[in-house]
C-alpha atoms as a PDB file:
ATOM      1  CA  UNK A   1       7.173  38.478 -74.747  1.00  0.00           C
ATOM      2  CA  UNK A   2       8.299  36.724 -71.597  1.00  0.00           C
ATOM      3  CA  UNK A   3       6.508  38.449 -68.756  1.00  0.00           C
ATOM      4  CA  UNK A   4       5.088  36.882 -65.641  1.00  0.00           C
ATOM      5  CA  UNK A   5       1.808  38.491 -64.659  1.00  0.00           C
ATOM      6  CA  UNK A   6       1.517  36.190 -61.658  1.00  0.00           C
ATOM      7  CA  UNK A   7       4.908  37.197 -60.304  1.00  0.00           C
ATOM      8  CA  UNK A   8       4.071  40.884 -60.748  1.00  0.00           C
ATOM      9  CA  UNK A   9       0.716  40.417 -59.044  1.00  0.00           C
ATOM     10  CA  UNK A  10       2.222  38.423 -56.200  1.00  0.00           C
ATOM     11  CA  UNK A  11       4.837  41.119 -55.632  1.00  0.00           C
ATOM     12  CA  UNK A  12       2.272  43.920 -55.469  1.00  0.00           C
ATOM     13  CA  UNK A  13      -0.076  41.925 -53.244  1.00  0.00           C
ATOM     14  CA  UNK A  14       2.807  41.010 -50.932  1.00  0.00           C
ATOM     15  CA  UNK A  15       4.552  44.372 -50.683  1.00  0.00           C
ATOM     16  CA  UNK A  16       2.084  47.017 -51.839  1.00  0.00           C
ATOM     17  CA  UNK A  17      -0.015  49.347 -49.725  1.00  0.00           C
ATOM     18  CA  UNK A  18      -3.738  48.615 -49.704  1.00  0.00           C
ATOM     19  CA  UNK A  19      -4.454  51.286 -52.318  1.00  0.00           C
ATOM     20  CA  UNK A  20      -1.775  49.799 -54.595  1.00  0.00           C
ATOM     21  CA  UNK A  21      -3.237  46.314 -54.274  1.00  0.00           C
ATOM     22  CA  UNK A  22      -6.740  47.561 -54.957  1.00  0.00           C
ATOM     23  CA  UNK A  23      -5.559  49.679 -57.896  1.00  0.00           C
ATOM     24  CA  UNK A  24      -3.775  46.650 -59.339  1.00  0.00           C
ATOM     25  CA  UNK A  25      -6.961  44.645 -58.960  1.00  0.00           C
ATOM     26  CA  UNK A  26      -8.962  47.297 -60.791  1.00  0.00           C
ATOM     27  CA  UNK A  27      -6.498  47.756 -63.645  1.00  0.00           C
ATOM     28  CA  UNK A  28      -5.781  44.093 -64.286  1.00  0.00           C
ATOM     29  CA  UNK A  29      -8.463  41.949 -62.628  1.00  0.00           C
ATOM     30  CA  UNK A  30     -11.704  43.895 -63.164  1.00  0.00           C
ATOM     31  CA  UNK A  31     -12.079  44.887 -59.503  1.00  0.00           C
ATOM     32  CA  UNK A  32     -14.478  47.823 -59.057  1.00  0.00           C
ATOM     33  CA  UNK A  33     -13.196  51.374 -59.425  1.00  0.00           C
ATOM     34  CA  UNK A  34     -15.355  52.371 -56.468  1.00  0.00           C
ATOM     35  CA  UNK A  35     -13.060  50.344 -54.213  1.00  0.00           C
ATOM     36  CA  UNK A  36     -10.064  52.332 -55.495  1.00  0.00           C
ATOM     37  CA  UNK A  37     -11.878  55.551 -54.607  1.00  0.00           C
ATOM     38  CA  UNK A  38     -12.807  54.160 -51.194  1.00  0.00           C
ATOM     39  CA  UNK A  39      -9.212  53.222 -50.369  1.00  0.00           C
ATOM     40  CA  UNK A  40      -7.690  56.460 -51.594  1.00  0.00           C
ATOM     41  CA  UNK A  41     -10.245  58.530 -49.705  1.00  0.00           C
ATOM     42  CA  UNK A  42      -8.704  57.229 -46.477  1.00  0.00           C
ATOM     43  CA  UNK A  43      -5.615  59.315 -47.272  1.00  0.00           C
ATOM     44  CA  UNK A  44      -7.679  62.475 -47.602  1.00  0.00           C
ATOM     45  CA  UNK A  45      -8.245  64.754 -44.620  1.00  0.00           C
ATOM     46  CA  UNK A  46     -11.425  66.669 -43.766  1.00  0.00           C
ATOM     47  CA  UNK A  47      -9.729  69.912 -44.855  1.00  0.00           C
ATOM     48  CA  UNK A  48      -9.548  68.643 -48.449  1.00  0.00           C
ATOM     49  CA  UNK A  49      -5.816  67.913 -48.364  1.00  0.00           C
ATOM     50  CA  UNK A  50      -3.957  64.619 -48.597  1.00  0.00           C
ATOM     51  CA  UNK A  51      -1.407  62.945 -46.304  1.00  0.00           C
ATOM     52  CA  UNK A  52      -0.831  59.734 -44.290  1.00  0.00           C
ATOM     53  CA  UNK A  53       1.989  58.494 -46.518  1.00  0.00           C
ATOM     54  CA  UNK A  54       0.069  58.271 -49.778  1.00  0.00           C
ATOM     55  CA  UNK A  55       3.341  59.590 -51.189  1.00  0.00           C
ATOM     56  CA  UNK A  56       5.648  57.115 -49.530  1.00  0.00           C
ATOM     57  CA  UNK A  57       8.423  59.552 -48.645  1.00  0.00           C
ATOM     58  CA  UNK A  58       6.445  61.831 -46.293  1.00  0.00           C
ATOM     59  CA  UNK A  59       4.423  60.221 -43.511  1.00  0.00           C
ATOM     60  CA  UNK A  60       2.909  63.186 -41.662  1.00  0.00           C
ATOM     61  CA  UNK A  61      -0.848  62.835 -41.070  1.00  0.00           C
ATOM     62  CA  UNK A  62      -1.324  66.552 -41.730  1.00  0.00           C
ATOM     63  CA  UNK A  63      -2.288  67.640 -45.232  1.00  0.00           C
ATOM     64  CA  UNK A  64       0.692  68.685 -47.330  1.00  0.00           C
ATOM     65  CA  UNK A  65       1.311  69.554 -50.993  1.00  0.00           C
ATOM     66  CA  UNK A  66       3.245  66.408 -51.906  1.00  0.00           C
ATOM     67  CA  UNK A  67       0.353  64.257 -50.725  1.00  0.00           C
ATOM     68  CA  UNK A  68      -2.065  66.046 -53.047  1.00  0.00           C
ATOM     69  CA  UNK A  69       0.470  66.082 -55.865  1.00  0.00           C
ATOM     70  CA  UNK A  70       0.970  62.327 -55.760  1.00  0.00           C
ATOM     71  CA  UNK A  71      -2.736  61.583 -55.362  1.00  0.00           C
ATOM     72  CA  UNK A  72      -3.295  63.506 -58.591  1.00  0.00           C
ATOM     73  CA  UNK A  73      -0.426  61.583 -60.197  1.00  0.00           C
ATOM     74  CA  UNK A  74      -2.187  58.285 -59.598  1.00  0.00           C
ATOM     75  CA  UNK A  75      -5.055  59.355 -61.816  1.00  0.00           C
ATOM     76  CA  UNK A  76      -2.914  61.204 -64.355  1.00  0.00           C
ATOM     77  CA  UNK A  77      -0.645  58.213 -64.860  1.00  0.00           C
ATOM     78  CA  UNK A  78      -3.166  55.376 -64.876  1.00  0.00           C
ATOM     79  CA  UNK A  79      -5.980  57.251 -66.602  1.00  0.00           C
ATOM     80  CA  UNK A  80      -8.648  55.992 -64.193  1.00  0.00           C
ATOM     81  CA  UNK A  81     -11.564  58.264 -63.347  1.00  0.00           C
ATOM     82  CA  UNK A  82     -11.151  60.385 -60.214  1.00  0.00           C
ATOM     83  CA  UNK A  83     -14.848  60.730 -59.301  1.00  0.00           C
ATOM     84  CA  UNK A  84     -15.249  63.540 -56.711  1.00  0.00           C
ATOM     85  CA  UNK A  85     -12.004  63.005 -54.784  1.00  0.00           C
ATOM     86  CA  UNK A  86     -10.538  66.372 -55.811  1.00  0.00           C
ATOM     87  CA  UNK A  87     -13.600  68.599 -55.917  1.00  0.00           C
ATOM     88  CA  UNK A  88     -12.281  70.635 -52.971  1.00  0.00           C
ATOM     89  CA  UNK A  89      -8.571  70.405 -53.838  1.00  0.00           C
ATOM     90  CA  UNK A  90      -8.296  73.877 -55.374  1.00  0.00           C
ATOM     91  CA  UNK A  91      -9.802  75.409 -52.256  1.00  0.00           C
ATOM     92  CA  UNK A  92      -7.204  73.590 -50.162  1.00  0.00           C
ATOM     93  CA  UNK A  93      -4.450  74.950 -52.409  1.00  0.00           C
ATOM     94  CA  UNK A  94      -5.889  78.447 -52.093  1.00  0.00           C
ATOM     95  CA  UNK A  95      -5.719  78.238 -48.289  1.00  0.00           C
ATOM     96  CA  UNK A  96      -2.219  76.797 -48.273  1.00  0.00           C
ATOM     97  CA  UNK A  97      -0.246  79.046 -50.590  1.00  0.00           C
ATOM     98  CA  UNK A  98       2.119  81.932 -50.023  1.00  0.00           C
ATOM     99  CA  UNK A  99       1.512  85.368 -51.588  1.00  0.00           C
ATOM    100  CA  UNK A 100       3.908  84.482 -54.425  1.00  0.00           C
ATOM    101  CA  UNK A 101       1.961  81.310 -55.291  1.00  0.00           C
ATOM    102  CA  UNK A 102       4.325  78.817 -53.658  1.00  0.00           C
ATOM    103  CA  UNK A 103       2.703  76.094 -51.571  1.00  0.00           C
ATOM    104  CA  UNK A 104       2.937  75.918 -47.794  1.00  0.00           C
ATOM    105  CA  UNK A 105       3.710  72.846 -45.720  1.00  0.00           C
ATOM    106  CA  UNK A 106       2.486  72.083 -42.208  1.00  0.00           C
ATOM    107  CA  UNK A 107       4.909  72.497 -39.330  1.00  0.00           C
ATOM    108  CA  UNK A 108       4.703  68.745 -38.727  1.00  0.00           C
ATOM    109  CA  UNK A 109       5.995  67.730 -42.143  1.00  0.00           C
ATOM    110  CA  UNK A 110       9.452  66.808 -40.811  1.00  0.00           C
ATOM    111  CA  UNK A 111       8.282  65.632 -37.387  1.00  0.00           C
ATOM    112  CA  UNK A 112       7.190  62.288 -38.840  1.00  0.00           C
ATOM    113  CA  UNK A 113       9.220  59.758 -40.822  1.00  0.00           C
ATOM    114  CA  UNK A 114      10.398  61.228 -44.117  1.00  0.00           C
ATOM    115  CA  UNK A 115      12.967  60.625 -46.825  1.00  0.00           C
ATOM    116  CA  UNK A 116      16.227  62.492 -46.170  1.00  0.00           C
ATOM    117  CA  UNK A 117      16.008  64.507 -49.390  1.00  0.00           C
ATOM    118  CA  UNK A 118      13.003  66.380 -48.004  1.00  0.00           C
ATOM    119  CA  UNK A 119      14.863  67.513 -44.884  1.00  0.00           C
ATOM    120  CA  UNK A 120      16.386  70.631 -46.415  1.00  0.00           C
ATOM    121  CA  UNK A 121      13.299  72.206 -47.971  1.00  0.00           C
ATOM    122  CA  UNK A 122      10.594  70.826 -45.690  1.00  0.00           C
ATOM    123  CA  UNK A 123       8.288  69.431 -48.340  1.00  0.00           C
ATOM    124  CA  UNK A 124       7.000  70.294 -51.782  1.00  0.00           C
ATOM    125  CA  UNK A 125       6.449  73.994 -52.474  1.00  0.00           C
ATOM    126  CA  UNK A 126       6.157  74.042 -56.275  1.00  0.00           C
ATOM    127  CA  UNK A 127       2.534  74.444 -57.394  1.00  0.00           C
ATOM    128  CA  UNK A 128       3.018  73.491 -61.045  1.00  0.00           C
ATOM    129  CA  UNK A 129       2.114  69.794 -61.125  1.00  0.00           C
ATOM    130  CA  UNK A 130      -0.825  70.143 -58.751  1.00  0.00           C
ATOM    131  CA  UNK A 131      -2.349  73.087 -60.554  1.00  0.00           C
ATOM    132  CA  UNK A 132      -1.701  71.618 -63.988  1.00  0.00           C
ATOM    133  CA  UNK A 133      -3.502  68.427 -63.041  1.00  0.00           C
ATOM    134  CA  UNK A 134      -6.386  70.350 -61.511  1.00  0.00           C
ATOM    135  CA  UNK A 135      -6.642  72.212 -64.810  1.00  0.00           C
ATOM    136  CA  UNK A 136      -6.647  68.879 -66.627  1.00  0.00           C
ATOM    137  CA  UNK A 137      -9.613  67.837 -64.491  1.00  0.00           C
ATOM    138  CA  UNK A 138     -11.284  71.235 -64.948  1.00  0.00           C
ATOM    139  CA  UNK A 139     -11.164  71.734 -61.171  1.00  0.00           C
ATOM    140  CA  UNK A 140      -8.857  74.745 -60.856  1.00  0.00           C
ATOM    141  CA  UNK A 141     -10.176  78.100 -59.623  1.00  0.00           C
ATOM    142  CA  UNK A 142      -9.313  81.471 -61.216  1.00  0.00           C
ATOM    143  CA  UNK A 143      -7.540  82.620 -58.053  1.00  0.00           C
ATOM    144  CA  UNK A 144      -5.268  79.580 -57.898  1.00  0.00           C
ATOM    145  CA  UNK A 145      -4.648  79.717 -61.640  1.00  0.00           C
ATOM    146  CA  UNK A 146      -3.604  83.370 -61.435  1.00  0.00           C
ATOM    147  CA  UNK A 147      -1.280  82.959 -58.450  1.00  0.00           C
ATOM    148  CA  UNK A 148       0.358  79.912 -60.039  1.00  0.00           C
ATOM    149  CA  UNK A 149       0.890  81.749 -63.317  1.00  0.00           C
ATOM    150  CA  UNK A 150       2.717  84.476 -61.416  1.00  0.00           C
ATOM    151  CA  UNK A 151       4.857  81.886 -59.629  1.00  0.00           C
ATOM    152  CA  UNK A 152       5.708  80.163 -62.913  1.00  0.00           C
ATOM    153  CA  UNK A 153       6.678  83.417 -64.604  1.00  0.00           C
ATOM    154  CA  UNK A 154       9.034  84.179 -61.712  1.00  0.00           C
ATOM    155  CA  UNK A 155      10.457  80.692 -61.170  1.00  0.00           C
ATOM    156  CA  UNK A 156      10.120  78.588 -64.329  1.00  0.00           C
ATOM    157  CA  UNK A 157      11.140  80.669 -67.351  1.00  0.00           C
ATOM    158  CA  UNK A 158      11.504  79.102 -70.773  1.00  0.00           C
ATOM    159  CA  UNK A 159      15.263  78.816 -70.330  1.00  0.00           C
ATOM    160  CA  UNK A 160      14.792  76.784 -67.146  1.00  0.00           C
ATOM    161  CA  UNK A 161      12.412  74.381 -68.886  1.00  0.00           C
ATOM    162  CA  UNK A 162      14.989  73.787 -71.602  1.00  0.00           C
ATOM    163  CA  UNK A 163      17.843  73.462 -69.104  1.00  0.00           C
ATOM    164  CA  UNK A 164      16.262  70.750 -66.920  1.00  0.00           C
ATOM    165  CA  UNK A 165      18.727  67.866 -66.613  1.00  0.00           C
ATOM    166  CA  UNK A 166      16.696  65.276 -64.678  1.00  0.00           C
ATOM    167  CA  UNK A 167      14.107  63.225 -66.540  1.00  0.00           C
ATOM    168  CA  UNK A 168      12.064  62.567 -63.416  1.00  0.00           C
ATOM    169  CA  UNK A 169      11.766  66.270 -62.560  1.00  0.00           C
ATOM    170  CA  UNK A 170      10.433  67.157 -66.001  1.00  0.00           C
ATOM    171  CA  UNK A 171       6.949  66.483 -64.671  1.00  0.00           C
ATOM    172  CA  UNK A 172       6.627  70.016 -63.302  1.00  0.00           C
ATOM    173  CA  UNK A 173       6.826  71.661 -66.720  1.00  0.00           C
ATOM    174  CA  UNK A 174       4.936  68.808 -68.389  1.00  0.00           C
ATOM    175  CA  UNK A 175       1.974  68.832 -66.040  1.00  0.00           C
ATOM    176  CA  UNK A 176       1.599  72.596 -66.036  1.00  0.00           C
ATOM    177  CA  UNK A 177       2.265  73.699 -69.595  1.00  0.00           C
ATOM    178  CA  UNK A 178       0.368  70.888 -71.268  1.00  0.00           C
ATOM    179  CA  UNK A 179      -2.805  71.920 -69.461  1.00  0.00           C
ATOM    180  CA  UNK A 180      -2.650  75.678 -68.915  1.00  0.00           C
ATOM    181  CA  UNK A 181      -4.382  77.715 -71.616  1.00  0.00           C
ATOM    182  CA  UNK A 182      -4.015  81.349 -70.591  1.00  0.00           C
ATOM    183  CA  UNK A 183      -0.249  81.831 -70.382  1.00  0.00           C
ATOM    184  CA  UNK A 184       2.171  83.934 -72.465  1.00  0.00           C
ATOM    185  CA  UNK A 185       3.931  81.903 -75.182  1.00  0.00           C
ATOM    186  CA  UNK A 186       2.255  78.747 -73.952  1.00  0.00           C
ATOM    187  CA  UNK A 187       2.899  76.876 -77.208  1.00  0.00           C
ATOM    188  CA  UNK A 188       6.621  77.600 -76.940  1.00  0.00           C
ATOM    189  CA  UNK A 189       6.606  76.338 -73.351  1.00  0.00           C
ATOM    190  CA  UNK A 190       4.749  73.175 -74.336  1.00  0.00           C
ATOM    191  CA  UNK A 191       7.180  72.441 -77.119  1.00  0.00           C
ATOM    192  CA  UNK A 192      10.140  73.106 -74.826  1.00  0.00           C
ATOM    193  CA  UNK A 193       8.750  70.806 -72.126  1.00  0.00           C
ATOM    194  CA  UNK A 194       8.202  67.944 -74.558  1.00  0.00           C
ATOM    195  CA  UNK A 195      11.539  68.475 -76.313  1.00  0.00           C
ATOM    196  CA  UNK A 196      13.348  68.451 -72.972  1.00  0.00           C
ATOM    197  CA  UNK A 197      11.767  65.150 -71.969  1.00  0.00           C
ATOM    198  CA  UNK A 198      12.569  63.549 -75.319  1.00  0.00           C
ATOM    199  CA  UNK A 199      16.196  64.696 -75.162  1.00  0.00           C
ATOM    200  CA  UNK A 200      16.624  63.385 -71.627  1.00  0.00           C
ATOM    201  CA  UNK A 201      14.930  60.098 -72.487  1.00  0.00           C
ATOM    202  CA  UNK A 202      17.222  59.632 -75.493  1.00  0.00           C
ATOM    203  CA  UNK A 203      20.207  59.770 -73.133  1.00  0.00           C
ATOM    204  CA  UNK A 204      18.625  57.976 -70.169  1.00  0.00           C
ATOM    205  CA  UNK A 205      20.029  54.875 -68.555  1.00  0.00           C
ATOM    206  CA  UNK A 206      17.733  51.858 -68.633  1.00  0.00           C
ATOM    207  CA  UNK A 207      17.035  52.158 -64.911  1.00  0.00           C
ATOM    208  CA  UNK A 208      15.201  55.419 -65.679  1.00  0.00           C
ATOM    209  CA  UNK A 209      13.026  54.087 -68.493  1.00  0.00           C
ATOM    210  CA  UNK A 210       9.993  53.710 -66.217  1.00  0.00           C
ATOM    211  CA  UNK A 211       9.959  57.492 -65.776  1.00  0.00           C
ATOM    212  CA  UNK A 212       8.841  57.808 -69.393  1.00  0.00           C
ATOM    213  CA  UNK A 213       5.660  55.909 -68.582  1.00  0.00           C
ATOM    214  CA  UNK A 214       4.854  58.235 -65.685  1.00  0.00           C
ATOM    215  CA  UNK A 215       4.194  60.912 -68.321  1.00  0.00           C
ATOM    216  CA  UNK A 216       3.394  58.827 -71.398  1.00  0.00           C
ATOM    217  CA  UNK A 217       1.495  55.812 -70.114  1.00  0.00           C
ATOM    218  CA  UNK A 218      -0.397  55.380 -73.373  1.00  0.00           C
ATOM    219  CA  UNK A 219       0.244  56.052 -77.069  1.00  0.00           C
ATOM    220  CA  UNK A 220      -2.476  58.711 -76.934  1.00  0.00           C
ATOM    221  CA  UNK A 221      -0.479  60.954 -74.596  1.00  0.00           C
ATOM    222  CA  UNK A 222       0.994  64.199 -75.902  1.00  0.00           C
ATOM    223  CA  UNK A 223       4.493  63.015 -75.060  1.00  0.00           C
ATOM    224  CA  UNK A 224       4.102  59.723 -76.917  1.00  0.00           C
ATOM    225  CA  UNK A 225       2.819  61.560 -79.976  1.00  0.00           C
ATOM    226  CA  UNK A 226       5.777  63.961 -79.879  1.00  0.00           C
ATOM    227  CA  UNK A 227       8.435  61.287 -79.431  1.00  0.00           C
ATOM    228  CA  UNK A 228      10.346  59.554 -82.222  1.00  0.00           C
ATOM    229  CA  UNK A 229       8.873  56.050 -82.650  1.00  0.00           C
ATOM    230  CA  UNK A 230      12.330  54.517 -82.307  1.00  0.00           C
ATOM    231  CA  UNK A 231      12.733  56.065 -78.853  1.00  0.00           C
ATOM    232  CA  UNK A 232       9.370  54.791 -77.666  1.00  0.00           C
ATOM    233  CA  UNK A 233      10.151  51.307 -78.983  1.00  0.00           C
ATOM    234  CA  UNK A 234      13.559  51.253 -77.300  1.00  0.00           C
ATOM    235  CA  UNK A 235      12.069  52.235 -73.947  1.00  0.00           C
ATOM    236  CA  UNK A 236       9.188  49.775 -74.154  1.00  0.00           C
ATOM    237  CA  UNK A 237      11.385  46.896 -75.304  1.00  0.00           C
ATOM    238  CA  UNK A 238      13.813  47.686 -72.511  1.00  0.00           C
ATOM    239  CA  UNK A 239      11.099  47.742 -69.879  1.00  0.00           C
ATOM    240  CA  UNK A 240       9.578  44.520 -71.180  1.00  0.00           C
ATOM    241  CA  UNK A 241      12.892  42.802 -70.481  1.00  0.00           C
ATOM    242  CA  UNK A 242      13.478  44.391 -67.073  1.00  0.00           C
ATOM    243  CA  UNK A 243      11.041  42.513 -64.843  1.00  0.00           C
ATOM    244  CA  UNK A 244      13.049  41.364 -61.849  1.00  0.00           C
ATOM    245  CA  UNK A 245      13.319  37.842 -60.534  1.00  0.00           C
ATOM    246  CA  UNK A 246      11.013  38.989 -57.729  1.00  0.00           C
ATOM    247  CA  UNK A 247       8.346  39.898 -60.299  1.00  0.00           C
ATOM    248  CA  UNK A 248       8.705  43.658 -59.881  1.00  0.00           C
ATOM    249  CA  UNK A 249      10.033  46.647 -61.732  1.00  0.00           C
ATOM    250  CA  UNK A 250      12.075  48.966 -59.536  1.00  0.00           C
ATOM    251  CA  UNK A 251      12.780  52.683 -59.396  1.00  0.00           C
ATOM    252  CA  UNK A 252      16.191  54.082 -60.295  1.00  0.00           C
ATOM    253  CA  UNK A 253      17.325  54.133 -56.652  1.00  0.00           C
ATOM    254  CA  UNK A 254      16.174  50.608 -55.828  1.00  0.00           C
ATOM    255  CA  UNK A 255      13.830  51.841 -53.087  1.00  0.00           C
ATOM    256  CA  UNK A 256      11.653  48.847 -52.247  1.00  0.00           C
ATOM    257  CA  UNK A 257       8.693  50.914 -51.040  1.00  0.00           C
ATOM    258  CA  UNK A 258       8.316  52.389 -54.542  1.00  0.00           C
ATOM    259  CA  UNK A 259       8.474  49.068 -56.391  1.00  0.00           C
ATOM    260  CA  UNK A 260       4.742  48.202 -56.235  1.00  0.00           C
ATOM    261  CA  UNK A 261       3.825  51.565 -57.786  1.00  0.00           C
ATOM    262  CA  UNK A 262       6.545  51.317 -60.434  1.00  0.00           C
ATOM    263  CA  UNK A 263       5.364  47.795 -61.247  1.00  0.00           C
ATOM    264  CA  UNK A 264       1.800  49.027 -61.738  1.00  0.00           C
ATOM    265  CA  UNK A 265       2.998  51.891 -63.942  1.00  0.00           C
ATOM    266  CA  UNK A 266       5.158  49.681 -66.143  1.00  0.00           C
ATOM    267  CA  UNK A 267       2.694  46.816 -66.478  1.00  0.00           C
ATOM    268  CA  UNK A 268      -0.169  49.150 -67.387  1.00  0.00           C
ATOM    269  CA  UNK A 269       2.040  51.024 -69.846  1.00  0.00           C
ATOM    270  CA  UNK A 270       3.201  47.858 -71.577  1.00  0.00           C
ATOM    271  CA  UNK A 271      -0.404  46.802 -71.968  1.00  0.00           C
ATOM    272  CA  UNK A 272      -1.548  50.208 -73.201  1.00  0.00           C
ATOM    273  CA  UNK A 273       1.095  50.194 -75.936  1.00  0.00           C
ATOM    274  CA  UNK A 274       0.311  46.605 -76.907  1.00  0.00           C
ATOM    275  CA  UNK A 275       3.737  45.319 -75.883  1.00  0.00           C
ATOM    276  CA  UNK A 276       2.060  43.017 -73.370  1.00  0.00           C
ATOM    277  CA  UNK A 277      -1.202  41.528 -74.568  1.00  0.00           C
ATOM    278  CA  UNK A 278      -2.669  41.127 -71.087  1.00  0.00           C
ATOM    279  CA  UNK A 279      -2.033  37.393 -70.963  1.00  0.00           C
ATOM    280  CA  UNK A 280      -2.151  36.290 -67.324  1.00  0.00           C
ATOM    281  CA  UNK A 281      -0.994  32.734 -67.850  1.00  0.00           C
ATOM    282  CA  UNK A 282       2.638  33.436 -67.016  1.00  0.00           C
END
């Protein structure tokens, strides 16, 4: 396949945040994982929460749910080992949740630069992805698990999982139901979550193909195993041909600050599936 590793690397090293450059170096150039941990730890606050723009759309320095959610995403999506970065994350969630299990944001969340789509709701409040990923890491506490289960039963019924119309937003059901064990009808919820993603991916425009790799970055993922092989091949072949003239892969909205991350996700996914053989000559 025609893919320029050098152009992708140059794009990430030119435009990426430090953690993105270091992560790229670890995934593709044998740089030490300890350096990834060191860089990411700078986005973690003493209270156990995450902030400082690790999720590019909210820049507050105060710990907030979206910061933790995205930090967990980095490890979920790339498959790298998290070390002890999240050992106190469940305790932070426990201190920053409402009685109904929703997550609380600091008062400062909109005082600092932020994407306009966060203005109305003042930050992430859904606990599903965070708690599901903590369960995946075996780091969730019984109290947080119980409060989140109550929130899910009240706010994410089976019908809502099936009715989701946005491929990107399917991560909430995916991250939670694929990792929770003690939940009524959990197998039905898991099947519904995977079926919903497959249906949306079948109808997705090419500009959304990268979203598949956020949840199925390797053929060993539950989503990849559940998907028709023809769908997976179509997405991977499409992504392999979508590297831009600048060397990057871009998100569906063309937001430049997300392009280094999307490039890392796509390049690692293409390698994991064997579509790109890791050749760095190009």
